[in-house]
Amino acid sequence: MLRITANPLFTIPTAELGAWLEDYFRKEQVDTVVIGRPTQLNGEDSESMTYIRPFINYFRKRWPDKPLVEFDERFTSTIAHRAMIDGGMKKKQRQDKSVVDKLAACIILEGYLEKIKN
């Protein structure tokens, strides 16, 4: 049985993401890429998708052989904040958006892995 866990890597500035992914894909075997899909409570895309959709289109054109899965990211930032509080993280650390983003990304990936496992 494989024991796979989600671990954060880095927070990459959007402008550098394409080059970073190119380098990462050259060095690592990547079967699937999971991206958070911000949705509203009713399940419709949130306003943030206007910023994310162009990247998704770019990704699919640039790496057509890499499966890109959009996974619902509702409440992941809230869950991340709660985990940081429960873990005793200081308020100043919890205000660092990159820390929240890394933890939320782990939560998204864990949710995806749990879904495909079941």
N, C-alpha and C. Protein backbone atom coordinates (compact mmCIF):
# COMPACT_ATOMS: atom_id res chain seq x y z
N MET A 1 0.85 -1.18 0.00
CA MET A 1 0.00 0.00 0.00
C MET A 1 0.89 1.24 0.00
N LEU A 2 0.57 2.19 -0.88
CA LEU A 2 1.29 3.46 -0.90
C LEU A 2 0.80 4.34 0.24
N ARG A 3 1.72 5.00 0.90
CA ARG A 3 1.37 5.96 1.94
C ARG A 3 1.81 7.32 1.44
N ILE A 4 0.86 8.06 0.92
CA ILE A 4 1.14 9.35 0.32
C ILE A 4 0.60 10.43 1.23
N THR A 5 1.42 11.44 1.46
CA THR A 5 0.98 12.57 2.26
C THR A 5 1.19 13.85 1.47
N ALA A 6 0.41 14.86 1.81
CA ALA A 6 0.53 16.16 1.17
C ALA A 6 1.47 17.02 2.01
N ASN A 7 2.46 17.59 1.37
CA ASN A 7 3.40 18.48 2.05
C ASN A 7 3.59 19.73 1.21
N PRO A 8 3.64 20.89 1.84
CA PRO A 8 3.83 22.12 1.07
C PRO A 8 5.23 22.21 0.50
N LEU A 9 5.34 22.81 -0.67
CA LEU A 9 6.65 23.08 -1.25
C LEU A 9 7.00 24.54 -1.00
N PHE A 10 6.54 25.39 -1.88
CA PHE A 10 6.88 26.80 -1.82
C PHE A 10 5.67 27.62 -2.25
N THR A 11 5.72 28.89 -1.94
CA THR A 11 4.77 29.83 -2.52
C THR A 11 5.52 30.54 -3.64
N ILE A 12 5.02 30.40 -4.85
CA ILE A 12 5.70 30.94 -6.03
C ILE A 12 4.93 32.16 -6.53
N PRO A 13 5.62 33.29 -6.76
CA PRO A 13 4.93 34.45 -7.35
C PRO A 13 4.33 34.06 -8.70
N THR A 14 3.14 34.53 -8.98
CA THR A 14 2.42 34.17 -10.19
C THR A 14 3.26 34.38 -11.45
N ALA A 15 3.98 35.50 -11.51
CA ALA A 15 4.78 35.81 -12.70
C ALA A 15 5.89 34.78 -12.94
N GLU A 16 6.30 34.06 -11.90
CA GLU A 16 7.39 33.09 -12.01
C GLU A 16 6.89 31.64 -12.09
N LEU A 17 5.59 31.45 -12.00
CA LEU A 17 5.04 30.10 -11.89
C LEU A 17 5.31 29.23 -13.10
N GLY A 18 5.15 29.76 -14.31
CA GLY A 18 5.37 28.96 -15.51
C GLY A 18 6.80 28.43 -15.58
N ALA A 19 7.78 29.29 -15.35
CA ALA A 19 9.18 28.87 -15.38
C ALA A 19 9.48 27.87 -14.26
N TRP A 20 8.90 28.11 -13.09
CA TRP A 20 9.12 27.21 -11.96
C TRP A 20 8.56 25.82 -12.28
N LEU A 21 7.35 25.78 -12.82
CA LEU A 21 6.75 24.49 -13.18
C LEU A 21 7.57 23.77 -14.25
N GLU A 22 8.02 24.51 -15.24
CA GLU A 22 8.85 23.92 -16.31
C GLU A 22 10.05 23.21 -15.70
N ASP A 23 10.74 23.89 -14.79
CA ASP A 23 11.91 23.32 -14.13
C ASP A 23 11.52 22.13 -13.26
N TYR A 24 10.44 22.26 -12.52
CA TYR A 24 10.00 21.20 -11.62
C TYR A 24 9.62 19.94 -12.40
N PHE A 25 8.89 20.10 -13.49
CA PHE A 25 8.48 18.97 -14.31
C PHE A 25 9.69 18.26 -14.93
N ARG A 26 10.75 19.01 -15.22
CA ARG A 26 11.97 18.40 -15.75
C ARG A 26 12.66 17.53 -14.71
N LYS A 27 12.56 17.93 -13.44
CA LYS A 27 13.28 17.24 -12.37
C LYS A 27 12.47 16.14 -11.69
N GLU A 28 11.17 16.28 -11.65
CA GLU A 28 10.32 15.38 -10.88
C GLU A 28 9.27 14.71 -11.77
N GLN A 29 8.88 13.51 -11.38
CA GLN A 29 7.78 12.84 -12.06
C GLN A 29 6.48 13.36 -11.47
N VAL A 30 5.66 13.96 -12.28
CA VAL A 30 4.38 14.50 -11.84
C VAL A 30 3.29 13.86 -12.68
N ASP A 31 2.41 13.12 -12.01
CA ASP A 31 1.33 12.44 -12.72
C ASP A 31 0.12 13.34 -12.91
N THR A 32 -0.19 14.13 -11.89
CA THR A 32 -1.38 14.98 -11.91
C THR A 32 -1.08 16.26 -11.14
N VAL A 33 -1.61 17.36 -11.63
CA VAL A 33 -1.50 18.64 -10.92
C VAL A 33 -2.90 18.99 -10.42
N VAL A 34 -2.98 19.36 -9.15
CA VAL A 34 -4.25 19.73 -8.53
C VAL A 34 -4.22 21.22 -8.24
N ILE A 35 -5.24 21.91 -8.70
CA ILE A 35 -5.35 23.35 -8.47
C ILE A 35 -6.65 23.63 -7.73
N GLY A 36 -6.58 24.52 -6.78
CA GLY A 36 -7.78 24.90 -6.04
C GLY A 36 -8.75 25.66 -6.92
N ARG A 37 -10.02 25.32 -6.80
CA ARG A 37 -11.07 26.01 -7.55
C ARG A 37 -11.94 26.75 -6.55
N PRO A 38 -11.80 28.08 -6.51
CA PRO A 38 -12.60 28.85 -5.55
C PRO A 38 -14.06 28.92 -5.99
N THR A 39 -14.92 28.44 -5.14
CA THR A 39 -16.35 28.44 -5.44
C THR A 39 -17.13 29.13 -4.33
N GLN A 40 -18.32 29.53 -4.67
CA GLN A 40 -19.23 30.12 -3.69
C GLN A 40 -19.98 28.99 -2.98
N LEU A 41 -20.72 29.34 -1.96
CA LEU A 41 -21.46 28.33 -1.21
C LEU A 41 -22.42 27.53 -2.08
N ASN A 42 -22.95 28.16 -3.14
CA ASN A 42 -23.88 27.46 -4.02
C ASN A 42 -23.17 26.60 -5.07
N GLY A 43 -21.83 26.56 -5.01
CA GLY A 43 -21.06 25.72 -5.93
C GLY A 43 -20.63 26.41 -7.21
N GLU A 44 -21.12 27.61 -7.45
CA GLU A 44 -20.71 28.34 -8.65
C GLU A 44 -19.32 28.94 -8.43
N ASP A 45 -18.63 29.20 -9.55
CA ASP A 45 -17.31 29.80 -9.45
C ASP A 45 -17.37 31.14 -8.72
N SER A 46 -16.36 31.39 -7.91
CA SER A 46 -16.27 32.69 -7.24
C SER A 46 -15.63 33.69 -8.20
N GLU A 47 -15.63 34.92 -7.80
CA GLU A 47 -15.05 35.99 -8.61
C GLU A 47 -13.56 35.74 -8.87
N SER A 48 -12.89 35.05 -7.97
CA SER A 48 -11.45 34.77 -8.11
C SER A 48 -11.13 33.95 -9.34
N MET A 49 -12.10 33.20 -9.84
CA MET A 49 -11.84 32.37 -11.03
C MET A 49 -11.48 33.22 -12.24
N THR A 50 -11.86 34.49 -12.27
CA THR A 50 -11.47 35.35 -13.39
C THR A 50 -9.95 35.51 -13.45
N TYR A 51 -9.28 35.36 -12.32
CA TYR A 51 -7.82 35.45 -12.26
C TYR A 51 -7.17 34.08 -12.47
N ILE A 52 -7.87 33.03 -12.10
CA ILE A 52 -7.31 31.68 -12.15
C ILE A 52 -7.52 31.04 -13.52
N ARG A 53 -8.66 31.30 -14.14
CA ARG A 53 -8.98 30.68 -15.43
C ARG A 53 -7.88 30.91 -16.48
N PRO A 54 -7.31 32.13 -16.61
CA PRO A 54 -6.24 32.29 -17.61
C PRO A 54 -5.04 31.38 -17.34
N PHE A 55 -4.70 31.16 -16.07
CA PHE A 55 -3.59 30.26 -15.77
C PHE A 55 -3.95 28.83 -16.15
N ILE A 56 -5.18 28.42 -15.85
CA ILE A 56 -5.61 27.07 -16.20
C ILE A 56 -5.52 26.87 -17.71
N ASN A 57 -5.97 27.86 -18.48
CA ASN A 57 -5.89 27.77 -19.95
C ASN A 57 -4.44 27.71 -20.41
N TYR A 58 -3.58 28.55 -19.82
CA TYR A 58 -2.15 28.54 -20.15
C TYR A 58 -1.55 27.18 -19.84
N PHE A 59 -1.85 26.65 -18.66
CA PHE A 59 -1.30 25.36 -18.24
C PHE A 59 -1.68 24.27 -19.23
N ARG A 60 -2.94 24.22 -19.59
CA ARG A 60 -3.43 23.14 -20.47
C ARG A 60 -2.84 23.25 -21.87
N LYS A 61 -2.55 24.45 -22.33
CA LYS A 61 -1.90 24.61 -23.63
C LYS A 61 -0.41 24.29 -23.54
N ARG A 62 0.23 24.73 -22.47
CA ARG A 62 1.67 24.54 -22.32
C ARG A 62 2.04 23.09 -22.02
N TRP A 63 1.25 22.41 -21.19
CA TRP A 63 1.52 21.02 -20.80
C TRP A 63 0.28 20.15 -21.05
N PRO A 64 -0.07 19.93 -22.31
CA PRO A 64 -1.29 19.17 -22.59
C PRO A 64 -1.25 17.72 -22.11
N ASP A 65 -0.04 17.20 -21.85
CA ASP A 65 0.10 15.82 -21.39
C ASP A 65 -0.04 15.69 -19.87
N LYS A 66 -0.09 16.81 -19.15
CA LYS A 66 -0.19 16.78 -17.68
C LYS A 66 -1.65 16.99 -17.28
N PRO A 67 -2.25 15.99 -16.65
CA PRO A 67 -3.62 16.19 -16.17
C PRO A 67 -3.66 17.29 -15.11
N LEU A 68 -4.59 18.21 -15.27
CA LEU A 68 -4.80 19.30 -14.31
C LEU A 68 -6.20 19.13 -13.75
N VAL A 69 -6.28 18.91 -12.45
CA VAL A 69 -7.56 18.69 -11.79
C VAL A 69 -7.90 19.93 -10.98
N GLU A 70 -9.11 20.44 -11.18
CA GLU A 70 -9.60 21.56 -10.36
C GLU A 70 -10.36 20.95 -9.19
N PHE A 71 -9.99 21.35 -7.97
CA PHE A 71 -10.60 20.78 -6.78
C PHE A 71 -11.15 21.90 -5.90
N ASP A 72 -12.38 21.73 -5.46
CA ASP A 72 -13.08 22.74 -4.65
C ASP A 72 -12.24 23.14 -3.43
N GLU A 73 -11.99 24.43 -3.31
CA GLU A 73 -11.17 24.91 -2.21
C GLU A 73 -11.97 25.69 -1.16
N ARG A 74 -13.29 25.55 -1.20
CA ARG A 74 -14.10 26.24 -0.20
C ARG A 74 -13.64 25.91 1.21
N PHE A 75 -13.53 26.93 2.01
CA PHE A 75 -13.21 26.82 3.44
C PHE A 75 -11.78 26.40 3.75
N THR A 76 -10.93 26.20 2.76
CA THR A 76 -9.58 25.73 3.06
C THR A 76 -8.77 26.77 3.84
N SER A 77 -8.94 28.06 3.54
CA SER A 77 -8.22 29.08 4.30
C SER A 77 -8.71 29.12 5.74
N THR A 78 -10.02 28.95 5.93
CA THR A 78 -10.59 28.93 7.28
C THR A 78 -10.06 27.73 8.05
N ILE A 79 -10.03 26.58 7.40
CA ILE A 79 -9.50 25.36 8.03
C ILE A 79 -8.02 25.55 8.36
N ALA A 80 -7.28 26.18 7.44
CA ALA A 80 -5.85 26.42 7.66
C ALA A 80 -5.64 27.32 8.88
N HIS A 81 -6.42 28.40 8.96
CA HIS A 81 -6.31 29.29 10.13
C HIS A 81 -6.62 28.54 11.42
N ARG A 82 -7.65 27.73 11.40
CA ARG A 82 -8.02 26.97 12.61
C ARG A 82 -6.90 26.02 13.00
N ALA A 83 -6.29 25.37 12.02
CA ALA A 83 -5.18 24.45 12.31
C ALA A 83 -4.00 25.20 12.91
N MET A 84 -3.73 26.40 12.42
CA MET A 84 -2.63 27.19 12.95
C MET A 84 -2.90 27.61 14.39
N ILE A 85 -4.13 28.00 14.67
CA ILE A 85 -4.51 28.38 16.04
C ILE A 85 -4.40 27.17 16.95
N ASP A 86 -4.98 26.05 16.49
CA ASP A 86 -4.95 24.83 17.30
C ASP A 86 -3.52 24.34 17.52
N GLY A 87 -2.65 24.63 16.57
CA GLY A 87 -1.25 24.21 16.68
C GLY A 87 -0.40 25.17 17.50
N GLY A 88 -1.02 26.23 18.00
CA GLY A 88 -0.30 27.18 18.85
C GLY A 88 0.54 28.20 18.10
N MET A 89 0.28 28.39 16.82
CA MET A 89 1.05 29.35 16.05
C MET A 89 0.73 30.78 16.51
N LYS A 90 1.74 31.59 16.62
CA LYS A 90 1.58 32.99 17.05
C LYS A 90 0.79 33.78 16.01
N LYS A 91 0.09 34.80 16.48
CA LYS A 91 -0.77 35.62 15.62
C LYS A 91 0.01 36.20 14.44
N LYS A 92 1.21 36.70 14.70
CA LYS A 92 2.01 37.30 13.62
C LYS A 92 2.30 36.27 12.53
N GLN A 93 2.60 35.04 12.90
CA GLN A 93 2.86 33.98 11.92
C GLN A 93 1.59 33.66 11.13
N ARG A 94 0.44 33.67 11.82
CA ARG A 94 -0.84 33.35 11.15
C ARG A 94 -1.23 34.42 10.15
N GLN A 95 -0.66 35.61 10.27
CA GLN A 95 -0.98 36.69 9.35
C GLN A 95 -0.15 36.64 8.07
N ASP A 96 0.81 35.74 8.01
CA ASP A 96 1.65 35.58 6.83
C ASP A 96 0.86 34.79 5.79
N LYS A 97 0.44 35.47 4.71
CA LYS A 97 -0.41 34.85 3.70
C LYS A 97 0.25 33.63 3.06
N SER A 98 1.57 33.65 2.91
CA SER A 98 2.23 32.50 2.29
C SER A 98 2.12 31.26 3.16
N VAL A 99 2.11 31.43 4.48
CA VAL A 99 1.95 30.29 5.38
C VAL A 99 0.53 29.73 5.26
N VAL A 100 -0.44 30.63 5.23
CA VAL A 100 -1.84 30.22 5.07
C VAL A 100 -2.01 29.51 3.73
N ASP A 101 -1.44 30.08 2.67
CA ASP A 101 -1.56 29.49 1.34
C ASP A 101 -0.96 28.09 1.28
N LYS A 102 0.20 27.90 1.90
CA LYS A 102 0.84 26.57 1.90
C LYS A 102 -0.04 25.55 2.61
N LEU A 103 -0.55 25.94 3.76
CA LEU A 103 -1.39 25.01 4.52
C LEU A 103 -2.70 24.73 3.78
N ALA A 104 -3.30 25.77 3.19
CA ALA A 104 -4.53 25.57 2.42
C ALA A 104 -4.27 24.65 1.22
N ALA A 105 -3.11 24.80 0.58
CA ALA A 105 -2.77 23.93 -0.56
C ALA A 105 -2.67 22.48 -0.10
N CYS A 106 -2.11 22.26 1.08
CA CYS A 106 -2.04 20.89 1.62
C CYS A 106 -3.44 20.33 1.86
N ILE A 107 -4.32 21.18 2.37
CA ILE A 107 -5.69 20.75 2.64
C ILE A 107 -6.40 20.39 1.33
N ILE A 108 -6.18 21.18 0.30
CA ILE A 108 -6.77 20.89 -1.02
C ILE A 108 -6.25 19.55 -1.53
N LEU A 109 -4.94 19.36 -1.47
CA LEU A 109 -4.34 18.12 -1.98
C LEU A 109 -4.79 16.92 -1.15
N GLU A 110 -4.86 17.06 0.16
CA GLU A 110 -5.35 15.97 1.00
C GLU A 110 -6.79 15.61 0.65
N GLY A 111 -7.62 16.63 0.40
CA GLY A 111 -9.00 16.38 0.00
C GLY A 111 -9.08 15.63 -1.32
N TYR A 112 -8.25 16.03 -2.26
CA TYR A 112 -8.21 15.35 -3.57
C TYR A 112 -7.76 13.90 -3.40
N LEU A 113 -6.68 13.69 -2.65
CA LEU A 113 -6.17 12.32 -2.45
C LEU A 113 -7.21 11.44 -1.75
N GLU A 114 -7.91 12.02 -0.80
CA GLU A 114 -8.96 11.26 -0.09
C GLU A 114 -10.08 10.91 -1.05
N LYS A 115 -10.43 11.84 -1.92
CA LYS A 115 -11.52 11.59 -2.88
C LYS A 115 -11.15 10.47 -3.85
N ILE A 116 -9.93 10.48 -4.39
CA ILE A 116 -9.58 9.43 -5.36
C ILE A 116 -9.35 8.09 -4.66
N LYS A 117 -9.01 8.12 -3.39
CA LYS A 117 -8.83 6.88 -2.63
C LYS A 117 -10.16 6.18 -2.44
N ASN A 118 -11.21 6.95 -2.22
CA ASN A 118 -12.53 6.39 -2.00
C ASN A 118 -13.23 6.29 -3.32
